[in-house]
Amino acid sequence: MRSRVLLIVLLVVTALTVVAEEKKPSWKMSGQLEEACSCNAACPCWFGSKPTRSQCSGGFALFIDKGSYGNVPLDGLGFAFIGASKEGTTMMESIGDWDFVTIYVDEKANPEQRKALEAIARETSPPAAPSERTRVAYVPLTRKIEGSEHIVTLGNFGGFSAHLMPGGMGGTPKIVNAPGADPIHKEYLQGVTTKQTYTDSGKKWDWSNSNYMYGTFQTDSDEYTKFNAAMTQQMQKGKSEKH
């Protein structure tokens, strides 16, 4: 009888441990999005079209004003996602087979914050490249604004300088709810780069007058859980319709 009780207790503890491991900490963050790529403005990849060049190369940086991952504060930190889509395909078609993805985590974050930022970066971005072509690096991630110019740097690996473009009827062109939008990209202002450079991950590029996007975001883990579930359902539906 005692052995049966011990077995039941062991099973319950094991089950609770598994549940605890599966339950990820909730998170929330708000801040600014800075993004640039090799395409002409506005980037066609967000509309399911092929990139301007043979592949879309570039990415985004998030600068967090207020944020937390569980009990880990993330105020004033950030991360960047840089990659290159598969040549000759749309960004969405080649998800999972990109040439590379590198996640750059703000090096001033402490070890606990670094893990939190990487977890959020992976949760808010699709697994675009295979694991063997995906890596994480810790670099000084900086941004400064000089007049209308936004200047973003990824350590010694590169970055971009860019500005918003004028709209035909005043103001700045705004793109809302593009077909490829996620909660961070649901609304952004359109601009162009003055210069964009990168040398890392076996890649090297040097663009100018290419796509630039700027936006503000406020999102959390609950919103992304719903978004990712909807996207998974949509992708499965698309696959079944093809067959």
Protein backbone atom coordinates (compact mmCIF):
# COMPACT_ATOMS: atom_id res chain seq x y z
CA MET A 1 0.00 0.00 0.00
CA ARG A 2 2.80 2.39 0.96
CA SER A 3 4.61 1.69 -2.29
CA ARG A 4 1.44 2.51 -4.24
CA VAL A 5 1.09 5.83 -2.38
CA LEU A 6 4.74 6.68 -3.05
CA LEU A 7 4.24 5.83 -6.72
CA ILE A 8 1.19 8.10 -6.96
CA VAL A 9 3.06 10.94 -5.22
CA LEU A 10 5.99 10.46 -7.60
CA LEU A 11 3.69 10.57 -10.62
CA VAL A 12 1.96 13.73 -9.37
CA VAL A 13 5.30 15.45 -8.70
CA THR A 14 6.56 14.42 -12.13
CA ALA A 15 3.40 15.74 -13.79
CA LEU A 16 3.62 19.05 -11.93
CA THR A 17 7.29 19.37 -12.87
CA VAL A 18 6.48 18.82 -16.55
CA VAL A 19 3.69 21.41 -16.41
CA ALA A 20 6.01 23.89 -14.69
CA GLU A 21 8.67 23.34 -17.33
CA GLU A 22 6.18 23.75 -20.16
CA LYS A 23 4.68 26.95 -18.72
CA LYS A 24 6.83 29.83 -19.90
CA PRO A 25 6.97 33.09 -18.00
CA SER A 26 4.61 35.77 -19.27
CA TRP A 27 6.19 38.89 -20.72
CA LYS A 28 5.28 42.36 -21.92
CA MET A 29 7.16 45.16 -23.62
CA SER A 30 6.72 48.52 -25.30
CA GLY A 31 9.18 50.59 -27.27
CA GLN A 32 10.39 51.40 -30.79
CA LEU A 33 10.95 49.30 -33.90
CA GLU A 34 13.81 50.17 -36.28
CA GLU A 35 14.04 48.06 -39.45
CA ALA A 36 15.97 48.11 -42.71
CA CYS A 37 16.52 45.67 -45.55
CA SER A 38 17.89 45.37 -49.08
CA CYS A 39 14.53 45.85 -50.82
CA ASN A 40 13.30 49.08 -52.33
CA ALA A 41 10.77 50.96 -50.21
CA ALA A 42 8.20 49.82 -49.42
CA CYS A 43 9.47 46.27 -48.88
CA PRO A 44 7.34 43.90 -51.02
CA CYS A 45 8.07 40.98 -48.70
CA TRP A 46 5.44 42.17 -46.23
CA PHE A 47 2.85 41.83 -49.00
CA GLY A 48 3.73 38.26 -50.05
CA SER A 49 5.72 39.39 -53.12
CA LYS A 50 9.29 38.55 -54.07
CA PRO A 51 12.05 40.85 -52.81
CA THR A 52 13.47 43.63 -54.95
CA ARG A 53 16.81 41.85 -55.15
CA SER A 54 17.10 38.07 -55.40
CA GLN A 55 16.73 37.82 -51.62
CA CYS A 56 15.66 40.06 -48.76
CA SER A 57 18.66 40.79 -46.52
CA GLY A 58 18.38 42.81 -43.34
CA GLY A 59 16.27 42.87 -40.23
CA PHE A 60 15.05 44.84 -37.26
CA ALA A 61 16.08 46.10 -33.85
CA LEU A 62 13.71 46.57 -30.92
CA PHE A 63 14.50 49.18 -28.29
CA ILE A 64 12.46 48.47 -25.17
CA ASP A 65 11.28 51.41 -23.06
CA LYS A 66 9.31 49.32 -20.59
CA GLY A 67 9.33 45.56 -20.37
CA SER A 68 9.54 42.45 -18.22
CA TYR A 69 9.89 38.70 -18.62
CA GLY A 70 8.33 37.13 -15.56
CA ASN A 71 10.08 39.00 -12.75
CA VAL A 72 13.04 40.02 -14.93
CA PRO A 73 13.01 43.76 -15.79
CA LEU A 74 13.94 44.68 -19.38
CA ASP A 75 13.63 48.48 -19.33
CA GLY A 76 16.20 50.18 -21.54
CA LEU A 77 17.40 46.98 -23.24
CA GLY A 78 16.89 45.57 -26.72
CA PHE A 79 17.66 42.94 -29.31
CA ALA A 80 17.97 42.65 -33.08
CA PHE A 81 17.03 40.01 -35.64
CA ILE A 82 19.14 39.91 -38.83
CA GLY A 83 18.81 37.40 -41.66
CA ALA A 84 18.59 36.72 -45.38
CA SER A 85 15.70 34.91 -47.04
CA LYS A 86 16.25 32.11 -49.53
CA GLU A 87 17.20 33.33 -52.99
CA GLY A 88 14.43 33.63 -55.57
CA THR A 89 11.48 33.10 -53.20
CA THR A 90 9.17 35.27 -51.16
CA MET A 91 10.05 35.85 -47.53
CA MET A 92 7.10 33.77 -46.36
CA GLU A 93 7.69 30.88 -48.79
CA SER A 94 11.22 30.36 -47.54
CA ILE A 95 10.48 30.55 -43.82
CA GLY A 96 12.48 27.74 -42.23
CA ASP A 97 15.13 27.71 -44.96
CA TRP A 98 16.68 31.17 -44.86
CA ASP A 99 20.41 31.50 -45.51
CA PHE A 100 20.96 32.55 -41.91
CA VAL A 101 19.49 34.24 -38.85
CA THR A 102 21.51 35.95 -36.12
CA ILE A 103 19.86 37.27 -32.98
CA TYR A 104 21.87 40.11 -31.46
CA VAL A 105 21.19 40.62 -27.77
CA ASP A 106 22.09 43.84 -25.98
CA GLU A 107 25.38 43.06 -24.24
CA LYS A 108 24.67 45.35 -21.29
CA ALA A 109 21.94 42.95 -20.17
CA ASN A 110 22.87 40.67 -17.26
CA PRO A 111 22.81 36.85 -17.77
CA GLU A 112 19.17 36.55 -16.66
CA GLN A 113 18.10 39.42 -18.92
CA ARG A 114 20.02 37.96 -21.86
CA LYS A 115 18.10 34.70 -21.56
CA ALA A 116 14.83 36.64 -21.34
CA LEU A 117 15.59 38.76 -24.41
CA GLU A 118 16.58 35.71 -26.44
CA ALA A 119 13.38 33.92 -25.40
CA ILE A 120 11.25 36.90 -26.50
CA ALA A 121 13.21 37.24 -29.75
CA ARG A 122 12.51 33.60 -30.62
CA GLU A 123 8.85 33.83 -29.59
CA THR A 124 8.17 36.96 -31.64
CA SER A 125 10.01 35.79 -34.78
CA PRO A 126 9.42 32.69 -36.88
CA PRO A 127 12.11 29.95 -36.95
CA ALA A 128 13.24 31.38 -40.28
CA ALA A 129 16.50 29.46 -40.65
CA PRO A 130 17.43 25.90 -39.60
CA SER A 131 19.03 25.60 -36.17
CA GLU A 132 22.48 25.06 -37.67
CA ARG A 133 22.18 28.42 -39.46
CA THR A 134 20.77 30.30 -36.45
CA ARG A 135 22.94 31.76 -33.74
CA VAL A 136 22.90 34.30 -30.90
CA ALA A 137 25.53 36.99 -30.29
CA TYR A 138 25.92 39.64 -27.60
CA VAL A 139 26.85 43.12 -28.86
CA PRO A 140 26.49 46.79 -27.98
CA LEU A 141 23.12 47.68 -29.49
CA THR A 142 22.78 51.43 -29.90
CA ARG A 143 20.54 54.06 -31.45
CA LYS A 144 20.79 57.81 -31.75
CA ILE A 145 18.58 60.32 -33.53
CA GLU A 146 20.20 63.32 -35.18
CA GLY A 147 17.54 65.57 -36.67
CA SER A 148 15.50 63.36 -39.00
CA GLU A 149 18.19 60.65 -39.17
CA HIS A 150 17.92 57.47 -37.09
CA ILE A 151 21.27 55.71 -36.62
CA VAL A 152 21.33 52.10 -35.39
CA THR A 153 24.49 50.06 -34.75
CA LEU A 154 25.06 46.36 -34.04
CA GLY A 155 28.46 46.47 -32.39
CA ASN A 156 31.19 46.31 -35.03
CA PHE A 157 29.07 44.22 -37.40
CA GLY A 158 27.15 47.05 -39.04
CA GLY A 159 23.90 48.92 -38.83
CA PHE A 160 22.05 51.61 -40.74
CA SER A 161 21.27 55.29 -40.96
CA ALA A 162 17.78 56.14 -42.22
CA HIS A 163 14.97 58.68 -42.32
CA LEU A 164 11.23 58.79 -42.95
CA MET A 165 9.95 59.84 -46.38
CA PRO A 166 7.35 62.54 -47.02
CA GLY A 167 3.84 61.54 -48.05
CA GLY A 168 2.17 62.97 -51.13
CA MET A 169 -0.42 64.82 -49.03
CA GLY A 170 1.81 65.69 -46.11
CA GLY A 171 3.00 63.70 -43.16
CA THR A 172 4.71 60.32 -43.52
CA PRO A 173 3.36 57.25 -45.35
CA LYS A 174 1.91 54.78 -42.84
CA ILE A 175 1.38 51.09 -43.50
CA VAL A 176 -1.26 49.40 -41.36
CA ASN A 177 -1.98 45.67 -41.12
CA ALA A 178 0.16 44.47 -44.05
CA PRO A 179 -0.51 40.81 -45.00
CA GLY A 180 2.72 39.70 -43.34
CA ALA A 181 2.25 41.80 -40.20
CA ASP A 182 2.66 40.46 -36.67
CA PRO A 183 1.80 42.42 -33.49
CA ILE A 184 5.10 44.33 -33.60
CA HIS A 185 4.69 45.22 -37.29
CA LYS A 186 0.94 45.89 -37.31
CA GLU A 187 1.60 49.56 -38.02
CA TYR A 188 4.75 51.36 -39.13
CA LEU A 189 5.95 54.50 -40.88
CA GLN A 190 7.77 54.20 -44.21
CA GLY A 191 11.23 55.59 -44.91
CA VAL A 192 14.48 54.96 -46.79
CA THR A 193 18.02 54.27 -45.67
CA THR A 194 20.88 56.63 -46.21
CA LYS A 195 23.28 53.75 -45.70
CA GLN A 196 23.04 50.15 -44.52
CA THR A 197 26.08 47.93 -43.92
CA TYR A 198 26.69 44.48 -42.47
CA THR A 199 29.63 42.08 -42.17
CA ASP A 200 28.97 38.94 -40.14
CA SER A 201 27.57 35.40 -40.38
CA GLY A 202 29.48 34.88 -43.63
CA LYS A 203 27.61 37.77 -45.27
CA LYS A 204 28.58 41.24 -46.37
CA TRP A 205 26.39 43.98 -47.80
CA ASP A 206 26.39 47.70 -48.36
CA TRP A 207 23.11 49.30 -49.47
CA SER A 208 21.71 52.80 -49.75
CA ASN A 209 18.24 54.19 -50.56
CA SER A 210 16.75 50.87 -49.47
CA ASN A 211 13.71 50.05 -47.34
CA TYR A 212 13.39 51.52 -43.84
CA MET A 213 10.54 51.08 -41.37
CA TYR A 214 9.94 52.81 -38.03
CA GLY A 215 7.21 52.13 -35.53
CA THR A 216 6.23 51.95 -31.89
CA PHE A 217 4.92 48.77 -30.30
CA GLN A 218 3.17 47.58 -27.18
CA THR A 219 2.62 43.85 -26.97
CA ASP A 220 2.81 40.84 -24.65
CA SER A 221 3.02 37.06 -24.53
CA ASP A 222 -0.76 36.61 -24.59
CA GLU A 223 -1.06 38.55 -27.85
CA TYR A 224 1.70 36.50 -29.46
CA THR A 225 0.23 33.21 -28.25
CA LYS A 226 -3.03 34.06 -30.04
CA PHE A 227 -1.20 35.38 -33.11
CA ASN A 228 1.04 32.31 -33.45
CA ALA A 229 -1.93 29.97 -33.05
CA ALA A 230 -3.84 31.83 -35.77
CA MET A 231 -0.82 31.79 -38.10
CA THR A 232 -0.31 28.05 -37.56
CA GLN A 233 -3.96 27.42 -38.40
CA GLN A 234 -3.70 29.60 -41.49
CA MET A 235 -0.57 27.82 -42.73
CA GLN A 236 -2.15 24.40 -42.22
CA LYS A 237 -5.22 25.56 -44.12
CA GLY A 238 -3.02 26.80 -46.96
CA LYS A 239 -1.21 23.47 -47.18
CA SER A 240 -4.45 21.48 -47.25
CA GLU A 241 -5.88 23.71 -50.01
CA LYS A 242 -2.80 23.07 -52.17
CA HIS A 243 -3.37 19.33 -51.89
